[in-house]
C-alpha atoms as a PDB file:
ATOM      1  CA  MET A   1       4.601 145.333  44.071  1.00  0.00           C
ATOM      2  CA  GLY A   2       1.170 146.095  42.533  1.00  0.00           C
ATOM      3  CA  SER A   3      -1.818 144.383  44.386  1.00  0.00           C
ATOM      4  CA  ILE A   4      -4.274 142.132  42.230  1.00  0.00           C
ATOM      5  CA  ASP A   5      -7.556 141.602  43.833  1.00  0.00           C
ATOM      6  CA  TYR A   6      -8.924 138.397  42.766  1.00  0.00           C
ATOM      7  CA  ILE A   7      -9.743 136.493  45.982  1.00  0.00           C
ATOM      8  CA  PHE A   8     -11.554 139.484  47.975  1.00  0.00           C
ATOM      9  CA  GLU A   9     -14.192 141.777  47.105  1.00  0.00           C
ATOM     10  CA  SER A  10     -13.701 145.368  46.257  1.00  0.00           C
ATOM     11  CA  GLU A  11     -14.567 148.073  49.185  1.00  0.00           C
ATOM     12  CA  SER A  12     -17.935 148.550  47.406  1.00  0.00           C
ATOM     13  CA  GLY A  13     -18.626 144.857  47.539  1.00  0.00           C
ATOM     14  CA  ILE A  14     -18.346 144.392  51.268  1.00  0.00           C
ATOM     15  CA  ASN A  15     -21.326 143.702  53.186  1.00  0.00           C
ATOM     16  CA  LYS A  16     -20.742 145.548  56.250  1.00  0.00           C
ATOM     17  CA  ASP A  17     -24.261 144.610  58.031  1.00  0.00           C
ATOM     18  CA  GLU A  18     -23.532 140.705  58.480  1.00  0.00           C
ATOM     19  CA  LEU A  19     -20.949 138.230  58.801  1.00  0.00           C
ATOM     20  CA  SER A  20     -20.178 135.645  56.169  1.00  0.00           C
ATOM     21  CA  GLN A  21     -17.775 132.821  55.663  1.00  0.00           C
ATOM     22  CA  GLY A  22     -14.567 134.055  54.509  1.00  0.00           C
ATOM     23  CA  ASP A  23     -14.717 137.410  56.123  1.00  0.00           C
ATOM     24  CA  LEU A  24     -11.298 138.767  57.015  1.00  0.00           C
ATOM     25  CA  LEU A  25     -11.199 140.328  60.646  1.00  0.00           C
ATOM     26  CA  HIS A  26      -8.570 142.620  61.848  1.00  0.00           C
ATOM     27  CA  ARG A  27      -7.719 142.084  65.496  1.00  0.00           C
ATOM     28  CA  THR A  28      -9.053 145.312  67.167  1.00  0.00           C
ATOM     29  CA  PRO A  29      -8.704 145.704  70.919  1.00  0.00           C
ATOM     30  CA  GLU A  30     -12.454 144.602  71.268  1.00  0.00           C
ATOM     31  CA  LEU A  31     -11.858 141.617  69.397  1.00  0.00           C
ATOM     32  CA  ALA A  32      -8.648 140.862  71.111  1.00  0.00           C
ATOM     33  CA  ALA A  33     -10.552 140.962  74.542  1.00  0.00           C
ATOM     34  CA  ALA A  34     -13.006 138.430  72.883  1.00  0.00           C
ATOM     35  CA  ILE A  35     -10.392 136.199  71.673  1.00  0.00           C
ATOM     36  CA  ARG A  36      -8.399 136.301  75.105  1.00  0.00           C
ATOM     37  CA  GLN A  37     -11.471 134.426  76.710  1.00  0.00           C
ATOM     38  CA  ALA A  38     -10.852 131.781  74.375  1.00  0.00           C
ATOM     39  CA  HIS A  39      -7.181 131.626  73.641  1.00  0.00           C
ATOM     40  CA  ALA A  40      -4.635 134.440  75.315  1.00  0.00           C
ATOM     41  CA  HIS A  41      -1.835 133.748  72.900  1.00  0.00           C
ATOM     42  CA  TYR A  42      -4.046 134.405  69.742  1.00  0.00           C
ATOM     43  CA  ALA A  43      -5.113 137.658  71.501  1.00  0.00           C
ATOM     44  CA  ASP A  44      -1.743 139.149  72.321  1.00  0.00           C
ATOM     45  CA  ALA A  45       0.938 137.346  69.984  1.00  0.00           C
ATOM     46  CA  PRO A  46       2.294 139.895  67.391  1.00  0.00           C
ATOM     47  CA  SER A  47       1.825 137.941  64.457  1.00  0.00           C
ATOM     48  CA  TYR A  48      -1.872 137.167  64.905  1.00  0.00           C
ATOM     49  CA  THR A  49      -3.031 140.395  63.387  1.00  0.00           C
ATOM     50  CA  HIS A  50      -6.162 139.154  61.433  1.00  0.00           C
ATOM     51  CA  PHE A  51      -8.409 136.235  61.415  1.00  0.00           C
ATOM     52  CA  LEU A  52     -10.701 134.657  58.949  1.00  0.00           C
ATOM     53  CA  VAL A  53     -14.199 133.541  59.443  1.00  0.00           C
ATOM     54  CA  LEU A  54     -14.719 129.867  58.938  1.00  0.00           C
ATOM     55  CA  THR A  55     -18.126 129.290  60.004  1.00  0.00           C
ATOM     56  CA  GLN A  56     -20.703 128.765  56.880  1.00  0.00           C
ATOM     57  CA  SER A  57     -22.892 131.904  55.997  1.00  0.00           C
ATOM     58  CA  CYS A  58     -26.139 130.327  56.484  1.00  0.00           C
ATOM     59  CA  ASP A  59     -25.329 129.503  60.023  1.00  0.00           C
ATOM     60  CA  LEU A  60     -24.202 133.316  60.493  1.00  0.00           C
ATOM     61  CA  VAL A  61     -27.581 134.946  59.358  1.00  0.00           C
ATOM     62  CA  ARG A  62     -29.232 136.816  62.371  1.00  0.00           C
ATOM     63  CA  ARG A  63     -33.050 135.593  62.787  1.00  0.00           C
ATOM     64  CA  PRO A  64     -33.856 138.481  63.911  1.00  0.00           C
ATOM     65  CA  LYS A  65     -31.206 138.916  66.318  1.00  0.00           C
ATOM     66  CA  LYS A  66     -29.483 135.589  66.972  1.00  0.00           C
ATOM     67  CA  CYS A  67     -27.792 133.349  64.339  1.00  0.00           C
ATOM     68  CA  LYS A  68     -28.187 129.861  63.985  1.00  0.00           C
ATOM     69  CA  ALA A  69     -24.527 128.778  64.821  1.00  0.00           C
ATOM     70  CA  PRO A  70     -23.785 128.991  68.709  1.00  0.00           C
ATOM     71  CA  TYR A  71     -20.156 129.817  67.991  1.00  0.00           C
ATOM     72  CA  ILE A  72     -18.289 131.821  65.180  1.00  0.00           C
ATOM     73  CA  THR A  73     -15.278 129.807  64.479  1.00  0.00           C
ATOM     74  CA  ILE A  74     -12.230 132.010  63.236  1.00  0.00           C
ATOM     75  CA  CYS A  75      -8.779 130.813  62.231  1.00  0.00           C
ATOM     76  CA  ALA A  76      -5.397 132.766  62.378  1.00  0.00           C
ATOM     77  CA  VAL A  77      -4.137 134.702  59.620  1.00  0.00           C
ATOM     78  CA  ARG A  78      -0.531 135.264  59.945  1.00  0.00           C
ATOM     79  CA  PRO A  79       2.499 136.475  57.573  1.00  0.00           C
ATOM     80  CA  LEU A  80       2.956 134.102  54.450  1.00  0.00           C
ATOM     81  CA  THR A  81       6.791 134.286  55.297  1.00  0.00           C
ATOM     82  CA  ILE A  82       6.112 132.088  58.311  1.00  0.00           C
ATOM     83  CA  ALA A  83       4.810 129.159  56.098  1.00  0.00           C
ATOM     84  CA  VAL A  84       7.092 129.928  53.226  1.00  0.00           C
ATOM     85  CA  ASP A  85      10.125 130.115  55.353  1.00  0.00           C
ATOM     86  CA  ARG A  86       9.247 126.565  56.741  1.00  0.00           C
ATOM     87  CA  GLU A  87       9.060 125.135  53.073  1.00  0.00           C
ATOM     88  CA  LEU A  88      12.415 126.740  51.733  1.00  0.00           C
ATOM     89  CA  THR A  89      14.217 125.656  55.023  1.00  0.00           C
ATOM     90  CA  SER A  90      13.252 122.132  53.965  1.00  0.00           C
ATOM     91  CA  LEU A  91      14.766 122.806  50.465  1.00  0.00           C
ATOM     92  CA  ILE A  92      18.221 124.063  51.749  1.00  0.00           C
ATOM     93  CA  ASP A  93      21.328 121.678  51.471  1.00  0.00           C
ATOM     94  CA  GLN A  94      23.553 124.189  53.120  1.00  0.00           C
ATOM     95  CA  LEU A  95      27.315 124.476  51.786  1.00  0.00           C
ATOM     96  CA  GLY A  96      29.714 124.482  54.802  1.00  0.00           C
ATOM     97  CA  GLY A  97      31.313 127.921  55.365  1.00  0.00           C
ATOM     98  CA  CYS A  98      28.857 129.753  52.781  1.00  0.00           C
ATOM     99  CA  PRO A  99      26.797 132.708  54.417  1.00  0.00           C
ATOM    100  CA  VAL A 100      24.286 132.404  51.802  1.00  0.00           C
ATOM    101  CA  PRO A 101      21.588 129.485  51.940  1.00  0.00           C
ATOM    102  CA  VAL A 102      22.113 127.078  49.103  1.00  0.00           C
ATOM    103  CA  GLY A 103      19.558 124.813  47.635  1.00  0.00           C
ATOM    104  CA  SER A 104      19.882 122.578  44.265  1.00  0.00           C
ATOM    105  CA  SER A 105      18.456 124.072  40.973  1.00  0.00           C
ATOM    106  CA  GLN A 106      15.905 121.175  41.102  1.00  0.00           C
ATOM    107  CA  SER A 107      14.639 122.487  44.605  1.00  0.00           C
ATOM    108  CA  GLU A 108      14.173 125.841  42.993  1.00  0.00           C
ATOM    109  CA  VAL A 109      11.655 124.438  40.756  1.00  0.00           C
ATOM    110  CA  LEU A 110       9.998 122.822  43.917  1.00  0.00           C
ATOM    111  CA  ALA A 111      10.048 126.118  45.518  1.00  0.00           C
ATOM    112  CA  LYS A 112       8.461 127.919  42.795  1.00  0.00           C
ATOM    113  CA  GLN A 113       5.786 125.216  42.430  1.00  0.00           C
ATOM    114  CA  TYR A 114       5.151 125.666  46.286  1.00  0.00           C
ATOM    115  CA  LEU A 115       4.503 129.282  45.722  1.00  0.00           C
ATOM    116  CA  GLU A 116       2.448 128.867  42.864  1.00  0.00           C
ATOM    117  CA  ARG A 117       0.127 126.454  44.696  1.00  0.00           C
ATOM    118  CA  VAL A 118       0.122 129.130  47.574  1.00  0.00           C
ATOM    119  CA  LEU A 119      -1.272 131.622  44.881  1.00  0.00           C
ATOM    120  CA  ASN A 120      -3.748 129.331  43.570  1.00  0.00           C
ATOM    121  CA  ASN A 121      -5.059 128.096  47.126  1.00  0.00           C
ATOM    122  CA  THR A 122      -4.019 124.472  46.618  1.00  0.00           C
ATOM    123  CA  VAL A 123      -1.751 124.058  49.737  1.00  0.00           C
ATOM    124  CA  ASP A 124      -3.732 122.055  52.380  1.00  0.00           C
ATOM    125  CA  GLY A 125      -4.287 123.945  55.637  1.00  0.00           C
ATOM    126  CA  LEU A 126      -3.508 127.517  54.088  1.00  0.00           C
ATOM    127  CA  PHE A 127      -5.612 129.993  52.495  1.00  0.00           C
ATOM    128  CA  PHE A 128      -3.684 132.918  50.881  1.00  0.00           C
ATOM    129  CA  VAL A 129      -4.391 136.646  51.822  1.00  0.00           C
ATOM    130  CA  PRO A 130      -2.779 139.038  49.366  1.00  0.00           C
ATOM    131  CA  LYS A 131      -1.006 142.174  50.309  1.00  0.00           C
ATOM    132  CA  GLY A 132      -3.740 144.867  49.937  1.00  0.00           C
ATOM    133  CA  SER A 133      -6.598 142.634  50.552  1.00  0.00           C
ATOM    134  CA  ALA A 134      -7.704 145.318  52.903  1.00  0.00           C
ATOM    135  CA  ASN A 135      -5.857 148.645  54.319  1.00  0.00           C
ATOM    136  CA  THR A 136      -4.664 146.821  57.188  1.00  0.00           C
ATOM    137  CA  VAL A 137      -2.885 144.031  55.308  1.00  0.00           C
ATOM    138  CA  ASP A 138       0.566 145.481  54.134  1.00  0.00           C
ATOM    139  CA  GLU A 139       2.335 142.247  53.646  1.00  0.00           C
ATOM    140  CA  HIS A 140       1.117 138.827  51.938  1.00  0.00           C
ATOM    141  CA  MET A 141      -0.452 136.580  54.493  1.00  0.00           C
ATOM    142  CA  CYS A 142      -2.252 133.408  54.908  1.00  0.00           C
ATOM    143  CA  ALA A 143      -5.006 131.890  57.200  1.00  0.00           C
ATOM    144  CA  PHE A 144      -3.760 128.778  58.965  1.00  0.00           C
ATOM    145  CA  LEU A 145      -6.954 126.756  59.025  1.00  0.00           C
ATOM    146  CA  PRO A 146      -5.720 124.407  61.834  1.00  0.00           C
ATOM    147  CA  LEU A 147      -5.356 127.394  64.179  1.00  0.00           C
ATOM    148  CA  SER A 148      -8.895 127.843  64.805  1.00  0.00           C
ATOM    149  CA  ILE A 149     -10.790 129.091  67.925  1.00  0.00           C
ATOM    150  CA  ALA A 150     -14.443 129.374  68.455  1.00  0.00           C
ATOM    151  CA  LEU A 151     -16.263 132.531  69.732  1.00  0.00           C
ATOM    152  CA  LYS A 152     -19.689 132.678  71.139  1.00  0.00           C
ATOM    153  CA  THR A 153     -22.225 134.293  69.182  1.00  0.00           C
ATOM    154  CA  ASP A 154     -22.533 137.070  71.882  1.00  0.00           C
ATOM    155  CA  HIS A 155     -19.376 138.577  70.225  1.00  0.00           C
ATOM    156  CA  TYR A 156     -21.088 138.951  66.726  1.00  0.00           C
ATOM    157  CA  ASP A 157     -21.084 142.734  66.760  1.00  0.00           C
ATOM    158  CA  VAL A 158     -17.557 142.728  67.799  1.00  0.00           C
ATOM    159  CA  CYS A 159     -16.585 140.492  64.871  1.00  0.00           C
ATOM    160  CA  LEU A 160     -18.523 142.383  62.634  1.00  0.00           C
ATOM    161  CA  ASN A 161     -17.011 145.657  63.477  1.00  0.00           C
ATOM    162  CA  ALA A 162     -13.464 144.077  62.930  1.00  0.00           C
ATOM    163  CA  LYS A 163     -14.465 143.096  59.450  1.00  0.00           C
ATOM    164  CA  VAL A 164     -12.075 144.610  56.712  1.00  0.00           C
ATOM    165  CA  ALA A 165     -12.452 142.359  53.813  1.00  0.00           C
ATOM    166  CA  GLN A 166     -14.786 139.736  52.335  1.00  0.00           C
ATOM    167  CA  ALA A 167     -13.773 136.876  50.268  1.00  0.00           C
ATOM    168  CA  ARG A 168     -15.744 136.404  46.804  1.00  0.00           C
ATOM    169  CA  PRO A 169     -18.476 133.786  46.788  1.00  0.00           C
ATOM    170  CA  ILE A 170     -16.424 131.064  45.180  1.00  0.00           C
ATOM    171  CA  PHE A 171     -13.542 131.716  47.322  1.00  0.00           C
ATOM    172  CA  ALA A 172     -15.609 131.571  50.258  1.00  0.00           C
ATOM    173  CA  ALA A 173     -16.845 128.101  49.265  1.00  0.00           C
ATOM    174  CA  LYS A 174     -13.194 127.258  48.783  1.00  0.00           C
ATOM    175  CA  ILE A 175     -12.566 128.157  52.390  1.00  0.00           C
ATOM    176  CA  GLY A 176     -15.641 125.986  53.474  1.00  0.00           C
ATOM    177  CA  SER A 177     -14.180 122.956  51.606  1.00  0.00           C
ATOM    178  CA  LEU A 178     -10.752 123.370  53.194  1.00  0.00           C
ATOM    179  CA  ALA A 179     -12.099 124.159  56.607  1.00  0.00           C
ATOM    180  CA  SER A 180     -14.279 120.598  56.650  1.00  0.00           C
ATOM    181  CA  ASN A 181     -12.837 117.148  55.666  1.00  0.00           C
ATOM    182  CA  LEU A 182     -14.715 117.287  52.299  1.00  0.00           C
ATOM    183  CA  TYR A 183     -13.201 114.861  49.730  1.00  0.00           C
ATOM    184  CA  GLY A 184     -14.899 116.779  47.049  1.00  0.00           C
ATOM    185  CA  ARG A 185     -13.128 120.135  46.548  1.00  0.00           C
ATOM    186  CA  VAL A 186     -14.258 123.367  45.360  1.00  0.00           C
ATOM    187  CA  ALA A 187     -12.259 124.317  42.332  1.00  0.00           C
ATOM    188  CA  THR A 188     -11.353 127.921  42.175  1.00  0.00           C
ATOM    189  CA  PRO A 189     -10.157 129.894  39.260  1.00  0.00           C
ATOM    190  CA  ASP A 190      -6.238 130.330  39.366  1.00  0.00           C
ATOM    191  CA  LEU A 191      -4.349 133.490  38.941  1.00  0.00           C
ATOM    192  CA  VAL A 192      -3.644 133.150  35.156  1.00  0.00           C
ATOM    193  CA  GLU A 193      -7.529 132.694  34.659  1.00  0.00           C
ATOM    194  CA  GLU A 194      -8.176 136.029  36.645  1.00  0.00           C
ATOM    195  CA  VAL A 195      -5.680 138.429  35.157  1.00  0.00           C
ATOM    196  CA  GLY A 196      -4.258 136.732  32.147  1.00  0.00           C
ATOM    197  CA  SER A 197      -0.619 135.235  31.481  1.00  0.00           C
ATOM    198  CA  ALA A 198       1.461 138.523  31.414  1.00  0.00           C
ATOM    199  CA  ALA A 199       0.103 140.125  34.349  1.00  0.00           C
ATOM    200  CA  ALA A 200       0.120 136.887  36.276  1.00  0.00           C
ATOM    201  CA  SER A 201       3.840 136.318  35.226  1.00  0.00           C
ATOM    202  CA  THR A 202       4.825 139.653  36.658  1.00  0.00           C
ATOM    203  CA  TYR A 203       2.881 139.336  39.767  1.00  0.00           C
ATOM    204  CA  LYS A 204       4.599 135.773  40.405  1.00  0.00           C
ATOM    205  CA  ALA A 205       7.962 137.054  39.630  1.00  0.00           C
ATOM    206  CA  GLU A 206       7.533 140.161  42.111  1.00  0.00           C
ATOM    207  CA  PHE A 207       5.845 137.616  44.547  1.00  0.00           C
ATOM    208  CA  PHE A 208       8.850 135.182  44.516  1.00  0.00           C
ATOM    209  CA  ASP A 209      11.229 138.005  45.143  1.00  0.00           C
ATOM    210  CA  GLU A 210       9.191 139.334  48.137  1.00  0.00           C
ATOM    211  CA  LEU A 211       9.143 135.734  49.575  1.00  0.00           C
ATOM    212  CA  GLY A 212      12.925 135.344  49.608  1.00  0.00           C
ATOM    213  CA  LEU A 213      13.596 133.058  46.464  1.00  0.00           C
ATOM    214  CA  GLY A 214      16.058 135.410  45.448  1.00  0.00           C
ATOM    215  CA  ASN A 215      17.988 135.505  48.631  1.00  0.00           C
ATOM    216  CA  MET A 216      19.021 131.876  48.219  1.00  0.00           C
ATOM    217  CA  LEU A 217      21.391 130.204  45.854  1.00  0.00           C
ATOM    218  CA  TRP A 218      19.871 127.602  43.618  1.00  0.00           C
ATOM    219  CA  LEU A 219      22.984 125.439  42.212  1.00  0.00           C
ATOM    220  CA  SER A 220      23.366 122.688  39.863  1.00  0.00           C
ATOM    221  CA  PRO A 221      25.762 119.945  40.889  1.00  0.00           C
ATOM    222  CA  PHE A 222      28.462 121.308  38.887  1.00  0.00           C
ATOM    223  CA  GLU A 223      27.882 124.860  40.155  1.00  0.00           C
ATOM    224  CA  ARG A 224      28.024 123.548  43.673  1.00  0.00           C
ATOM    225  CA  ASP A 225      31.138 121.838  43.214  1.00  0.00           C
ATOM    226  CA  GLU A 226      32.761 124.820  41.600  1.00  0.00           C
ATOM    227  CA  LEU A 227      31.364 127.092  44.579  1.00  0.00           C
ATOM    228  CA  THR A 228      32.973 124.686  47.053  1.00  0.00           C
ATOM    229  CA  LYS A 229      36.572 124.906  45.476  1.00  0.00           C
ATOM    230  CA  ALA A 230      36.139 128.703  45.334  1.00  0.00           C
ATOM    231  CA  LEU A 231      35.235 128.961  48.994  1.00  0.00           C
ATOM    232  CA  ALA A 232      38.096 126.639  50.033  1.00  0.00           C
ATOM    233  CA  ARG A 233      40.567 128.844  48.092  1.00  0.00           C
ATOM    234  CA  HIS A 234      39.148 132.120  49.901  1.00  0.00           C
ATOM    235  CA  ASP A 235      41.880 133.210  52.169  1.00  0.00           C
ATOM    236  CA  VAL A 236      39.982 134.977  55.403  1.00  0.00           C
ATOM    237  CA  ASP A 237      43.299 136.346  56.544  1.00  0.00           C
ATOM    238  CA  GLU A 238      44.046 138.139  53.345  1.00  0.00           C
ATOM    239  CA  LEU A 239      40.598 138.816  51.817  1.00  0.00           C
ATOM    240  CA  GLY A 240      38.378 139.160  54.746  1.00  0.00           C
ATOM    241  CA  PRO A 241      35.315 137.259  56.055  1.00  0.00           C
ATOM    242  CA  LEU A 242      33.013 135.891  53.284  1.00  0.00           C
ATOM    243  CA  THR A 243      30.060 137.967  52.610  1.00  0.00           C
ATOM    244  CA  ARG A 244      26.901 137.456  50.583  1.00  0.00           C
ATOM    245  CA  GLU A 245      28.407 139.909  47.798  1.00  0.00           C
ATOM    246  CA  ILE A 246      31.685 138.024  47.474  1.00  0.00           C
ATOM    247  CA  VAL A 247      29.705 134.642  47.300  1.00  0.00           C
ATOM    248  CA  LYS A 248      27.595 136.152  44.360  1.00  0.00           C
ATOM    249  CA  GLU A 249      30.834 137.253  42.770  1.00  0.00           C
ATOM    250  CA  MET A 250      32.092 133.590  42.988  1.00  0.00           C
ATOM    251  CA  VAL A 251      28.927 132.240  41.486  1.00  0.00           C
ATOM    252  CA  SER A 252      28.765 134.476  38.728  1.00  0.00           C
ATOM    253  CA  ALA A 253      32.245 133.796  37.850  1.00  0.00           C
ATOM    254  CA  ILE A 254      31.466 129.987  37.370  1.00  0.00           C
ATOM    255  CA  PRO A 255      31.586 129.411  33.652  1.00  0.00           C
ATOM    256  CA  ASN A 256      28.320 128.040  32.085  1.00  0.00           C
ATOM    257  CA  PRO A 257      28.679 123.933  31.593  1.00  0.00           C
ATOM    258  CA  ARG A 258      27.524 124.464  27.724  1.00  0.00           C
ATOM    259  CA  ASP A 259      30.418 126.857  27.251  1.00  0.00           C
ATOM    260  CA  LEU A 260      32.970 124.463  28.780  1.00  0.00           C
ATOM    261  CA  ILE A 261      31.530 121.555  26.716  1.00  0.00           C
ATOM    262  CA  ALA A 262      31.512 123.675  23.616  1.00  0.00           C
ATOM    263  CA  ASP A 263      35.169 125.021  23.986  1.00  0.00           C
ATOM    264  CA  ARG A 264      36.482 121.538  25.179  1.00  0.00           C
ATOM    265  CA  VAL A 265      34.963 120.069  21.893  1.00  0.00           C
ATOM    266  CA  VAL A 266      36.554 122.655  19.538  1.00  0.00           C
ATOM    267  CA  ASP A 267      39.800 122.275  21.275  1.00  0.00           C
ATOM    268  CA  ILE A 268      39.596 118.236  20.806  1.00  0.00           C
ATOM    269  CA  LEU A 269      38.719 118.721  16.996  1.00  0.00           C
ATOM    270  CA  LYS A 270      41.489 121.121  16.405  1.00  0.00           C
ATOM    271  CA  LYS A 271      43.960 118.685  18.138  1.00  0.00           C
ATOM    272  CA  ARG A 272      42.840 115.860  16.012  1.00  0.00           C
ATOM    273  CA  LYS A 273      42.960 118.243  13.030  1.00  0.00           C
ATOM    274  CA  LEU A 274      39.149 117.468  12.435  1.00  0.00           C
ATOM    275  CA  LEU A 275      38.864 121.300  12.488  1.00  0.00           C
ATOM    276  CA  ALA A 276      41.390 123.466  10.815  1.00  0.00           C
ATOM    277  CA  SER A 277      43.137 126.017  12.657  1.00  0.00           C
ATOM    278  CA  LEU A 278      46.166 128.435  12.143  1.00  0.00           C
ATOM    279  CA  ALA A 279      49.168 128.126  14.575  1.00  0.00           C
ATOM    280  CA  PRO A 280      49.661 130.799  16.943  1.00  0.00           C
ATOM    281  CA  ALA A 281      52.546 132.217  15.243  1.00  0.00           C
ATOM    282  CA  GLU A 282      50.377 132.700  12.264  1.00  0.00           C
ATOM    283  CA  ALA A 283      47.674 134.256  14.058  1.00  0.00           C
ATOM    284  CA  LEU A 284      50.124 136.984  15.408  1.00  0.00           C
ATOM    285  CA  ASP A 285      52.195 137.523  12.426  1.00  0.00           C
ATOM    286  CA  GLU A 286      52.045 141.312  11.827  1.00  0.00           C
ATOM    287  CA  HIS A 287      52.821 141.033   8.100  1.00  0.00           C
ATOM    288  CA  ALA A 288      50.061 138.676   7.249  1.00  0.00           C
ATOM    289  CA  THR A 289      48.400 139.237   3.660  1.00  0.00           C
ATOM    290  CA  LEU A 290      44.940 140.018   3.206  1.00  0.00           C
ATOM    291  CA  GLU A 291      44.391 136.590   2.080  1.00  0.00           C
ATOM    292  CA  GLU A 292      45.948 135.041   5.352  1.00  0.00           C
ATOM    293  CA  ASP A 293      43.719 137.545   7.093  1.00  0.00           C
ATOM    294  CA  ALA A 294      40.852 136.162   5.576  1.00  0.00           C
ATOM    295  CA  GLN A 295      41.979 132.723   6.065  1.00  0.00           C
ATOM    296  CA  LEU A 296      42.298 133.331   9.794  1.00  0.00           C
ATOM    297  CA  ALA A 297      38.604 135.120   9.821  1.00  0.00           C
ATOM    298  CA  ALA A 298      37.174 132.030   8.297  1.00  0.00           C
ATOM    299  CA  LEU A 299      38.645 129.696  10.557  1.00  0.00           C
ATOM    300  CA  ASP A 300      37.462 131.615  13.538  1.00  0.00           C
ATOM    301  CA  ILE A 301      33.990 131.721  12.151  1.00  0.00           C
ATOM    302  CA  ALA A 302      34.199 127.924  11.810  1.00  0.00           C
ATOM    303  CA  ALA A 303      35.214 127.450  15.185  1.00  0.00           C
ATOM    304  CA  SER A 304      32.462 129.936  16.511  1.00  0.00           C
ATOM    305  CA  LYS A 305      29.822 127.986  14.399  1.00  0.00           C
ATOM    306  CA  VAL A 306      30.817 124.625  16.080  1.00  0.00           C
ATOM    307  CA  ARG A 307      30.571 126.151  19.657  1.00  0.00           C
ATOM    308  CA  ASN A 308      27.140 127.699  18.823  1.00  0.00           C
ATOM    309  CA  PHE A 309      25.935 124.291  17.400  1.00  0.00           C
ATOM    310  CA  ILE A 310      27.241 122.522  20.509  1.00  0.00           C
ATOM    311  CA  ARG A 311      25.580 125.262  22.925  1.00  0.00           C
ATOM    312  CA  ASN A 312      22.309 125.111  21.329  1.00  0.00           C
ATOM    313  CA  ASP A 313      22.041 121.217  20.707  1.00  0.00           C
ATOM    314  CA  ALA A 314      18.795 119.976  22.006  1.00  0.00           C
ATOM    315  CA  VAL A 315      20.071 116.478  23.129  1.00  0.00           C
ATOM    316  CA  ILE A 316      23.143 118.106  24.970  1.00  0.00           C
ATOM    317  CA  SER A 317      20.671 120.566  26.681  1.00  0.00           C
ATOM    318  CA  LYS A 318      18.412 117.767  27.827  1.00  0.00           C
ATOM    319  CA  VAL A 319      21.281 115.893  29.381  1.00  0.00           C
ATOM    320  CA  LEU A 320      22.529 118.698  31.319  1.00  0.00           C
ATOM    321  CA  LYS A 321      18.843 119.196  32.608  1.00  0.00           C
ATOM    322  CA  LEU A 322      18.357 115.731  33.414  1.00  0.00           C
ATOM    323  CA  HIS A 323      21.920 116.123  35.508  1.00  0.00           C
ATOM    324  CA  GLY A 324      20.695 119.260  37.274  1.00  0.00           C
ATOM    325  CA  GLY A 325      22.309 121.646  34.722  1.00  0.00           C
ATOM    326  CA  ARG A 326      20.731 124.600  33.270  1.00  0.00           C
END
């Protein structure tokens, strides 16, 4: 997955002479030692690899040697999967006996909306740190703003030496508004505004996949019922234990509700003689004339057109979506 730098400055834009709100710090041994004085867990836990500076930039300016703020407030930056897994777990409606996590197709919409909000920094308490924001960031991460600690400004140089990235001014302001309990929020550009719709769509698709959306089954009520039947038919003694691959094959074999409806309507029309058809014997007659062959082809075309009209009917599509179909 390619990196899109829209939140943090490029390497050449990083001010390495002073700290600013929105600076990303890597947990160096020196920084870990300073953090350990305030919170030992943050200094040693494997997932606490980075920290984000929350203190306002104006309070971090050194005049001439000391800054205005008595403390430097930083918050933990941890793998984004920690927050995402928690959200996805809340959307799971697990199917008994199924080795793959299952959620409804409506929950899939909620999951994608949540991830888009993460990308656009509109999830309360979180700030997105994309993979590649710094050389030390090799996976998508996020700042957990409530997980903050205060370091004495005696550790200013230690923090400065640990600085690996710097938020762009508008995103630094966003961090400030999230960190404080302001009612007025800072509006930041979203991904589409920054990179365009085509690049954003590609990035989001890969982003969703990396964060595990594709590892879950998002099923409509019809699909869930059909999968339940297929799971019940699976003979473990004869076929072996269920695996992810077997379950995916079961799901891929589930017919599309649109096709089922279309085929059923065509069958009813034929039985009611509202749609002409040839008897099976006629259809299989090896001695049929060219005229009869043409008639059979015309009837097949008529039935096919009816199926297509039903499959593509807007009202039927709307009803299926209202009931969780696709």
